[in-house]
Amino acid sequence: MSVNILHVDDDPDIREIVGFLLNCDPEFSVMSCANGGDALSIAADRAPDLILCDVMMPGMDGPAVLARLRQNASTQRPPSSS
């Protein structure tokens, strides 16, 4: 079973480090993006099991991303485990 993780951070160095560390575990499948808009799109398309989101990002910050995820019926709840 693979755990799908979405990592959202505007800092490319942080994305690289976190991606490297998470990808050390073969059970993790990691997607990353640099902004809230992309995070909303990816979350709707791929239904990650876990979202790690930076709080302070330009444009749409982490709390705003969370609020928007909760407003969308397809992303307001985590995927159910089978």
PDB file of N, CA and C in Angstrom:
ATOM      1  N   MET A   1       0.846  -1.179   0.000  1.00  0.00           N
ATOM      2  CA  MET A   1       0.000   0.000   0.000  1.00  0.00           C
ATOM      3  C   MET A   1       0.893   1.245   0.000  1.00  0.00           C
ATOM      4  N   SER A   2       0.599   2.165  -0.870  1.00  0.00           N
ATOM      5  CA  SER A   2       1.369   3.399  -0.973  1.00  0.00           C
ATOM      6  C   SER A   2       0.598   4.555  -0.337  1.00  0.00           C
ATOM      7  N   VAL A   3       1.333   5.424   0.338  1.00  0.00           N
ATOM      8  CA  VAL A   3       0.746   6.619   0.930  1.00  0.00           C
ATOM      9  C   VAL A   3       1.054   7.790  -0.002  1.00  0.00           C
ATOM     10  N   ASN A   4       0.017   8.405  -0.541  1.00  0.00           N
ATOM     11  CA  ASN A   4       0.188   9.536  -1.454  1.00  0.00           C
ATOM     12  C   ASN A   4       0.252  10.832  -0.656  1.00  0.00           C
ATOM     13  N   ILE A   5       1.379  11.535  -0.791  1.00  0.00           N
ATOM     14  CA  ILE A   5       1.616  12.755  -0.033  1.00  0.00           C
ATOM     15  C   ILE A   5       1.779  13.921  -0.990  1.00  0.00           C
ATOM     16  N   LEU A   6       1.097  15.009  -0.693  1.00  0.00           N
ATOM     17  CA  LEU A   6       1.261  16.260  -1.432  1.00  0.00           C
ATOM     18  C   LEU A   6       1.984  17.238  -0.532  1.00  0.00           C
ATOM     19  N   HIS A   7       3.117  17.744  -0.998  1.00  0.00           N
ATOM     20  CA  HIS A   7       3.888  18.726  -0.237  1.00  0.00           C
ATOM     21  C   HIS A   7       3.814  20.063  -0.967  1.00  0.00           C
ATOM     22  N   VAL A   8       3.401  21.108  -0.255  1.00  0.00           N
ATOM     23  CA  VAL A   8       3.218  22.444  -0.834  1.00  0.00           C
ATOM     24  C   VAL A   8       4.139  23.419  -0.116  1.00  0.00           C
ATOM     25  N   ASP A   9       5.058  24.025  -0.867  1.00  0.00           N
ATOM     26  CA  ASP A   9       5.972  25.004  -0.280  1.00  0.00           C
ATOM     27  C   ASP A   9       6.510  25.887  -1.390  1.00  0.00           C
ATOM     28  N   ASP A  10       6.547  27.183  -1.150  1.00  0.00           N
ATOM     29  CA  ASP A  10       7.031  28.109  -2.177  1.00  0.00           C
ATOM     30  C   ASP A  10       8.554  28.126  -2.279  1.00  0.00           C
ATOM     31  N   ASP A  11       9.258  27.565  -1.313  1.00  0.00           N
ATOM     32  CA  ASP A  11      10.717  27.551  -1.318  1.00  0.00           C
ATOM     33  C   ASP A  11      11.224  26.280  -2.007  1.00  0.00           C
ATOM     34  N   PRO A  12      11.886  26.412  -3.160  1.00  0.00           N
ATOM     35  CA  PRO A  12      12.330  25.223  -3.901  1.00  0.00           C
ATOM     36  C   PRO A  12      13.335  24.373  -3.118  1.00  0.00           C
ATOM     37  N   ASP A  13      14.155  24.993  -2.276  1.00  0.00           N
ATOM     38  CA  ASP A  13      15.109  24.213  -1.478  1.00  0.00           C
ATOM     39  C   ASP A  13      14.387  23.330  -0.466  1.00  0.00           C
ATOM     40  N   ILE A  14      13.363  23.870   0.162  1.00  0.00           N
ATOM     41  CA  ILE A  14      12.577  23.088   1.126  1.00  0.00           C
ATOM     42  C   ILE A  14      11.864  21.951   0.403  1.00  0.00           C
ATOM     43  N   ARG A  15      11.281  22.235  -0.760  1.00  0.00           N
ATOM     44  CA  ARG A  15      10.613  21.172  -1.528  1.00  0.00           C
ATOM     45  C   ARG A  15      11.599  20.051  -1.858  1.00  0.00           C
ATOM     46  N   GLU A  16      12.809  20.416  -2.244  1.00  0.00           N
ATOM     47  CA  GLU A  16      13.807  19.403  -2.596  1.00  0.00           C
ATOM     48  C   GLU A  16      14.194  18.551  -1.386  1.00  0.00           C
ATOM     49  N   ILE A  17      14.452  19.195  -0.250  1.00  0.00           N
ATOM     50  CA  ILE A  17      14.859  18.459   0.956  1.00  0.00           C
ATOM     51  C   ILE A  17      13.738  17.547   1.444  1.00  0.00           C
ATOM     52  N   VAL A  18      12.531  18.095   1.551  1.00  0.00           N
ATOM     53  CA  VAL A  18      11.402  17.291   2.034  1.00  0.00           C
ATOM     54  C   VAL A  18      11.118  16.146   1.066  1.00  0.00           C
ATOM     55  N   GLY A  19      11.150  16.427  -0.221  1.00  0.00           N
ATOM     56  CA  GLY A  19      10.927  15.378  -1.215  1.00  0.00           C
ATOM     57  C   GLY A  19      11.961  14.278  -1.106  1.00  0.00           C
ATOM     58  N   PHE A  20      13.226  14.661  -0.960  1.00  0.00           N
ATOM     59  CA  PHE A  20      14.299  13.676  -0.821  1.00  0.00           C
ATOM     60  C   PHE A  20      14.063  12.791   0.404  1.00  0.00           C
ATOM     61  N   LEU A  21      13.771  13.421   1.539  1.00  0.00           N
ATOM     62  CA  LEU A  21      13.585  12.664   2.782  1.00  0.00           C
ATOM     63  C   LEU A  21      12.364  11.747   2.723  1.00  0.00           C
ATOM     64  N   LEU A  22      11.250  12.253   2.207  1.00  0.00           N
ATOM     65  CA  LEU A  22      10.051  11.420   2.129  1.00  0.00           C
ATOM     66  C   LEU A  22      10.213  10.276   1.141  1.00  0.00           C
ATOM     67  N   ASN A  23      10.925  10.521   0.064  1.00  0.00           N
ATOM     68  CA  ASN A  23      11.122   9.474  -0.938  1.00  0.00           C
ATOM     69  C   ASN A  23      12.076   8.382  -0.473  1.00  0.00           C
ATOM     70  N   CYS A  24      12.705   8.545   0.691  1.00  0.00           N
ATOM     71  CA  CYS A  24      13.538   7.472   1.257  1.00  0.00           C
ATOM     72  C   CYS A  24      12.685   6.284   1.688  1.00  0.00           C
ATOM     73  N   ASP A  25      11.413   6.539   1.936  1.00  0.00           N
ATOM     74  CA  ASP A  25      10.501   5.458   2.312  1.00  0.00           C
ATOM     75  C   ASP A  25       9.791   4.967   1.055  1.00  0.00           C
ATOM     76  N   PRO A  26       9.977   3.714   0.672  1.00  0.00           N
ATOM     77  CA  PRO A  26       9.368   3.212  -0.571  1.00  0.00           C
ATOM     78  C   PRO A  26       7.843   3.176  -0.543  1.00  0.00           C
ATOM     79  N   GLU A  27       7.250   3.304   0.643  1.00  0.00           N
ATOM     80  CA  GLU A  27       5.786   3.300   0.729  1.00  0.00           C
ATOM     81  C   GLU A  27       5.172   4.666   0.476  1.00  0.00           C
ATOM     82  N   PHE A  28       6.016   5.702   0.364  1.00  0.00           N
ATOM     83  CA  PHE A  28       5.518   7.053   0.128  1.00  0.00           C
ATOM     84  C   PHE A  28       5.624   7.402  -1.347  1.00  0.00           C
ATOM     85  N   SER A  29       4.558   7.949  -1.881  1.00  0.00           N
ATOM     86  CA  SER A  29       4.548   8.521  -3.223  1.00  0.00           C
ATOM     87  C   SER A  29       4.352  10.017  -3.040  1.00  0.00           C
ATOM     88  N   VAL A  30       5.366  10.812  -3.401  1.00  0.00           N
ATOM     89  CA  VAL A  30       5.377  12.236  -3.077  1.00  0.00           C
ATOM     90  C   VAL A  30       5.162  13.090  -4.315  1.00  0.00           C
ATOM     91  N   MET A  31       4.218  14.017  -4.216  1.00  0.00           N
ATOM     92  CA  MET A  31       3.992  15.041  -5.229  1.00  0.00           C
ATOM     93  C   MET A  31       4.299  16.361  -4.554  1.00  0.00           C
ATOM     94  N   SER A  32       4.815  17.325  -5.291  1.00  0.00           N
ATOM     95  CA  SER A  32       5.066  18.625  -4.684  1.00  0.00           C
ATOM     96  C   SER A  32       4.666  19.735  -5.638  1.00  0.00           C
ATOM     97  N   CYS A  33       4.380  20.884  -5.051  1.00  0.00           N
ATOM     98  CA  CYS A  33       4.062  22.063  -5.851  1.00  0.00           C
ATOM     99  C   CYS A  33       4.445  23.307  -5.055  1.00  0.00           C
ATOM    100  N   ALA A  34       4.443  24.459  -5.738  1.00  0.00           N
ATOM    101  CA  ALA A  34       4.993  25.684  -5.155  1.00  0.00           C
ATOM    102  C   ALA A  34       3.950  26.686  -4.675  1.00  0.00           C
ATOM    103  N   ASN A  35       2.661  26.419  -4.900  1.00  0.00           N
ATOM    104  CA  ASN A  35       1.677  27.427  -4.505  1.00  0.00           C
ATOM    105  C   ASN A  35       0.320  26.793  -4.213  1.00  0.00           C
ATOM    106  N   GLY A  36      -0.522  27.583  -3.575  1.00  0.00           N
ATOM    107  CA  GLY A  36      -1.839  27.103  -3.172  1.00  0.00           C
ATOM    108  C   GLY A  36      -2.749  26.726  -4.312  1.00  0.00           C
ATOM    109  N   GLY A  37      -2.709  27.485  -5.396  1.00  0.00           N
ATOM    110  CA  GLY A  37      -3.555  27.176  -6.543  1.00  0.00           C
ATOM    111  C   GLY A  37      -3.249  25.808  -7.127  1.00  0.00           C
ATOM    112  N   ASP A  38      -1.953  25.526  -7.283  1.00  0.00           N
ATOM    113  CA  ASP A  38      -1.560  24.203  -7.786  1.00  0.00           C
ATOM    114  C   ASP A  38      -1.948  23.115  -6.798  1.00  0.00           C
ATOM    115  N   ALA A  39      -1.820  23.393  -5.505  1.00  0.00           N
ATOM    116  CA  ALA A  39      -2.184  22.409  -4.489  1.00  0.00           C
ATOM    117  C   ALA A  39      -3.662  22.038  -4.585  1.00  0.00           C
ATOM    118  N   LEU A  40      -4.517  23.028  -4.783  1.00  0.00           N
ATOM    119  CA  LEU A  40      -5.953  22.748  -4.905  1.00  0.00           C
ATOM    120  C   LEU A  40      -6.245  21.875  -6.118  1.00  0.00           C
ATOM    121  N   SER A  41      -5.594  22.172  -7.209  1.00  0.00           N
ATOM    122  CA  SER A  41      -5.788  21.399  -8.436  1.00  0.00           C
ATOM    123  C   SER A  41      -5.309  19.955  -8.275  1.00  0.00           C
ATOM    124  N   ILE A  42      -4.108  19.794  -7.729  1.00  0.00           N
ATOM    125  CA  ILE A  42      -3.555  18.448  -7.532  1.00  0.00           C
ATOM    126  C   ILE A  42      -4.405  17.661  -6.540  1.00  0.00           C
ATOM    127  N   ALA A  43      -4.821  18.295  -5.465  1.00  0.00           N
ATOM    128  CA  ALA A  43      -5.638  17.609  -4.455  1.00  0.00           C
ATOM    129  C   ALA A  43      -6.955  17.126  -5.060  1.00  0.00           C
ATOM    130  N   ALA A  44      -7.558  17.926  -5.911  1.00  0.00           N
ATOM    131  CA  ALA A  44      -8.822  17.530  -6.543  1.00  0.00           C
ATOM    132  C   ALA A  44      -8.612  16.387  -7.528  1.00  0.00           C
ATOM    133  N   ASP A  45      -7.494  16.400  -8.245  1.00  0.00           N
ATOM    134  CA  ASP A  45      -7.233  15.377  -9.265  1.00  0.00           C
ATOM    135  C   ASP A  45      -6.726  14.065  -8.688  1.00  0.00           C
ATOM    136  N   ARG A  46      -5.894  14.146  -7.654  1.00  0.00           N
ATOM    137  CA  ARG A  46      -5.177  12.949  -7.200  1.00  0.00           C
ATOM    138  C   ARG A  46      -5.543  12.461  -5.808  1.00  0.00           C
ATOM    139  N   ALA A  47      -6.341  13.195  -5.073  1.00  0.00           N
ATOM    140  CA  ALA A  47      -6.810  12.805  -3.733  1.00  0.00           C
ATOM    141  C   ALA A  47      -5.685  12.261  -2.851  1.00  0.00           C
ATOM    142  N   PRO A  48      -4.723  13.110  -2.462  1.00  0.00           N
ATOM    143  CA  PRO A  48      -3.638  12.626  -1.604  1.00  0.00           C
ATOM    144  C   PRO A  48      -4.150  12.178  -0.238  1.00  0.00           C
ATOM    145  N   ASP A  49      -3.413  11.254   0.366  1.00  0.00           N
ATOM    146  CA  ASP A  49      -3.743  10.779   1.710  1.00  0.00           C
ATOM    147  C   ASP A  49      -3.322  11.790   2.771  1.00  0.00           C
ATOM    148  N   LEU A  50      -2.291  12.579   2.442  1.00  0.00           N
ATOM    149  CA  LEU A  50      -1.733  13.535   3.388  1.00  0.00           C
ATOM    150  C   LEU A  50      -1.264  14.765   2.625  1.00  0.00           C
ATOM    151  N   ILE A  51      -1.527  15.949   3.171  1.00  0.00           N
ATOM    152  CA  ILE A  51      -1.035  17.189   2.580  1.00  0.00           C
ATOM    153  C   ILE A  51      -0.184  17.904   3.614  1.00  0.00           C
ATOM    154  N   LEU A  52       1.074  18.147   3.252  1.00  0.00           N
ATOM    155  CA  LEU A  52       1.989  18.949   4.078  1.00  0.00           C
ATOM    156  C   LEU A  52       2.073  20.308   3.419  1.00  0.00           C
ATOM    157  N   CYS A  53       1.614  21.334   4.108  1.00  0.00           N
ATOM    158  CA  CYS A  53       1.512  22.651   3.483  1.00  0.00           C
ATOM    159  C   CYS A  53       2.206  23.719   4.312  1.00  0.00           C
ATOM    160  N   ASP A  54       3.051  24.492   3.642  1.00  0.00           N
ATOM    161  CA  ASP A  54       3.692  25.645   4.259  1.00  0.00           C
ATOM    162  C   ASP A  54       2.599  26.622   4.702  1.00  0.00           C
ATOM    163  N   VAL A  55       2.798  27.268   5.820  1.00  0.00           N
ATOM    164  CA  VAL A  55       1.821  28.227   6.324  1.00  0.00           C
ATOM    165  C   VAL A  55       1.979  29.577   5.630  1.00  0.00           C
ATOM    166  N   MET A  56       3.224  30.037   5.502  1.00  0.00           N
ATOM    167  CA  MET A  56       3.477  31.376   4.955  1.00  0.00           C
ATOM    168  C   MET A  56       3.952  31.280   3.503  1.00  0.00           C
ATOM    169  N   MET A  57       3.007  31.475   2.572  1.00  0.00           N
ATOM    170  CA  MET A  57       3.319  31.490   1.145  1.00  0.00           C
ATOM    171  C   MET A  57       2.701  32.748   0.554  1.00  0.00           C
ATOM    172  N   PRO A  58       3.310  33.296  -0.493  1.00  0.00           N
ATOM    173  CA  PRO A  58       2.708  34.464  -1.143  1.00  0.00           C
ATOM    174  C   PRO A  58       1.422  34.062  -1.873  1.00  0.00           C
ATOM    175  N   GLY A  59       0.547  35.013  -2.029  1.00  0.00           N
ATOM    176  CA  GLY A  59      -0.719  34.719  -2.709  1.00  0.00           C
ATOM    177  C   GLY A  59      -1.674  34.034  -1.758  1.00  0.00           C
ATOM    178  N   MET A  60      -1.791  32.736  -1.894  1.00  0.00           N
ATOM    179  CA  MET A  60      -2.677  31.946  -1.041  1.00  0.00           C
ATOM    180  C   MET A  60      -1.821  31.226  -0.002  1.00  0.00           C
ATOM    181  N   ASP A  61      -1.960  31.606   1.270  1.00  0.00           N
ATOM    182  CA  ASP A  61      -1.156  30.974   2.323  1.00  0.00           C
ATOM    183  C   ASP A  61      -1.772  29.630   2.733  1.00  0.00           C
ATOM    184  N   GLY A  62      -1.071  28.928   3.614  1.00  0.00           N
ATOM    185  CA  GLY A  62      -1.514  27.605   4.036  1.00  0.00           C
ATOM    186  C   GLY A  62      -2.920  27.561   4.615  1.00  0.00           C
ATOM    187  N   PRO A  63      -3.273  28.458   5.557  1.00  0.00           N
ATOM    188  CA  PRO A  63      -4.637  28.439   6.085  1.00  0.00           C
ATOM    189  C   PRO A  63      -5.701  28.688   5.004  1.00  0.00           C
ATOM    190  N   ALA A  64      -5.394  29.515   4.026  1.00  0.00           N
ATOM    191  CA  ALA A  64      -6.346  29.750   2.932  1.00  0.00           C
ATOM    192  C   ALA A  64      -6.502  28.496   2.072  1.00  0.00           C
ATOM    193  N   VAL A  65      -5.397  27.776   1.856  1.00  0.00           N
ATOM    194  CA  VAL A  65      -5.472  26.511   1.101  1.00  0.00           C
ATOM    195  C   VAL A  65      -6.372  25.536   1.853  1.00  0.00           C
ATOM    196  N   LEU A  66      -6.169  25.400   3.152  1.00  0.00           N
ATOM    197  CA  LEU A  66      -6.991  24.505   3.960  1.00  0.00           C
ATOM    198  C   LEU A  66      -8.467  24.887   3.887  1.00  0.00           C
ATOM    199  N   ALA A  67      -8.756  26.169   3.993  1.00  0.00           N
ATOM    200  CA  ALA A  67     -10.155  26.626   3.914  1.00  0.00           C
ATOM    201  C   ALA A  67     -10.771  26.269   2.572  1.00  0.00           C
ATOM    202  N   ARG A  68     -10.024  26.456   1.487  1.00  0.00           N
ATOM    203  CA  ARG A  68     -10.535  26.128   0.150  1.00  0.00           C
ATOM    204  C   ARG A  68     -10.709  24.620  -0.027  1.00  0.00           C
ATOM    205  N   LEU A  69      -9.803  23.830   0.531  1.00  0.00           N
ATOM    206  CA  LEU A  69      -9.951  22.370   0.465  1.00  0.00           C
ATOM    207  C   LEU A  69     -11.224  21.933   1.178  1.00  0.00           C
ATOM    208  N   ARG A  70     -11.528  22.569   2.295  1.00  0.00           N
ATOM    209  CA  ARG A  70     -12.727  22.221   3.070  1.00  0.00           C
ATOM    210  C   ARG A  70     -14.016  22.661   2.374  1.00  0.00           C
ATOM    211  N   GLN A  71     -13.939  23.645   1.486  1.00  0.00           N
ATOM    212  CA  GLN A  71     -15.121  24.131   0.772  1.00  0.00           C
ATOM    213  C   GLN A  71     -15.489  23.241  -0.421  1.00  0.00           C
ATOM    214  N   ASN A  72     -14.533  22.482  -0.926  1.00  0.00           N
ATOM    215  CA  ASN A  72     -14.748  21.660  -2.117  1.00  0.00           C
ATOM    216  C   ASN A  72     -15.175  20.256  -1.683  1.00  0.00           C
ATOM    217  N   ALA A  73     -16.300  19.785  -2.191  1.00  0.00           N
ATOM    218  CA  ALA A  73     -16.825  18.478  -1.791  1.00  0.00           C
ATOM    219  C   ALA A  73     -15.846  17.344  -2.076  1.00  0.00           C
ATOM    220  N   SER A  74     -15.041  17.458  -3.130  1.00  0.00           N
ATOM    221  CA  SER A  74     -14.123  16.368  -3.470  1.00  0.00           C
ATOM    222  C   SER A  74     -12.853  16.374  -2.629  1.00  0.00           C
ATOM    223  N   THR A  75     -12.587  17.459  -1.886  1.00  0.00           N
ATOM    224  CA  THR A  75     -11.358  17.519  -1.094  1.00  0.00           C
ATOM    225  C   THR A  75     -11.606  17.796   0.390  1.00  0.00           C
ATOM    226  N   GLN A  76     -12.849  17.882   0.814  1.00  0.00           N
ATOM    227  CA  GLN A  76     -13.102  18.245   2.202  1.00  0.00           C
ATOM    228  C   GLN A  76     -12.844  17.104   3.165  1.00  0.00           C
ATOM    229  N   ARG A  77     -12.776  15.879   2.699  1.00  0.00           N
ATOM    230  CA  ARG A  77     -12.480  14.747   3.559  1.00  0.00           C
ATOM    231  C   ARG A  77     -11.362  13.935   2.937  1.00  0.00           C
ATOM    232  N   PRO A  78     -10.500  13.328   3.776  1.00  0.00           N
ATOM    233  CA  PRO A  78      -9.448  12.489   3.219  1.00  0.00           C
ATOM    234  C   PRO A  78     -10.038  11.256   2.547  1.00  0.00           C
ATOM    235  N   PRO A  79      -9.308  10.669   1.614  1.00  0.00           N
ATOM    236  CA  PRO A  79      -9.831   9.468   0.944  1.00  0.00           C
ATOM    237  C   PRO A  79     -10.061   8.351   1.964  1.00  0.00           C
ATOM    238  N   SER A  80     -11.081   7.563   1.736  1.00  0.00           N
ATOM    239  CA  SER A  80     -11.350   6.468   2.655  1.00  0.00           C
ATOM    240  C   SER A  80     -10.396   5.317   2.353  1.00  0.00           C
ATOM    241  N   SER A  81      -9.950   4.654   3.397  1.00  0.00           N
ATOM    242  CA  SER A  81      -9.039   3.517   3.201  1.00  0.00           C
ATOM    243  C   SER A  81      -9.861   2.275   2.873  1.00  0.00           C
ATOM    244  N   SER A  82      -9.304   1.471   2.005  1.00  0.00           N
ATOM    245  CA  SER A  82     -10.002   0.253   1.581  1.00  0.00           C
ATOM    246  C   SER A  82      -9.471  -0.954   2.295  1.00  0.00           C
TER     247      SER A  82
END
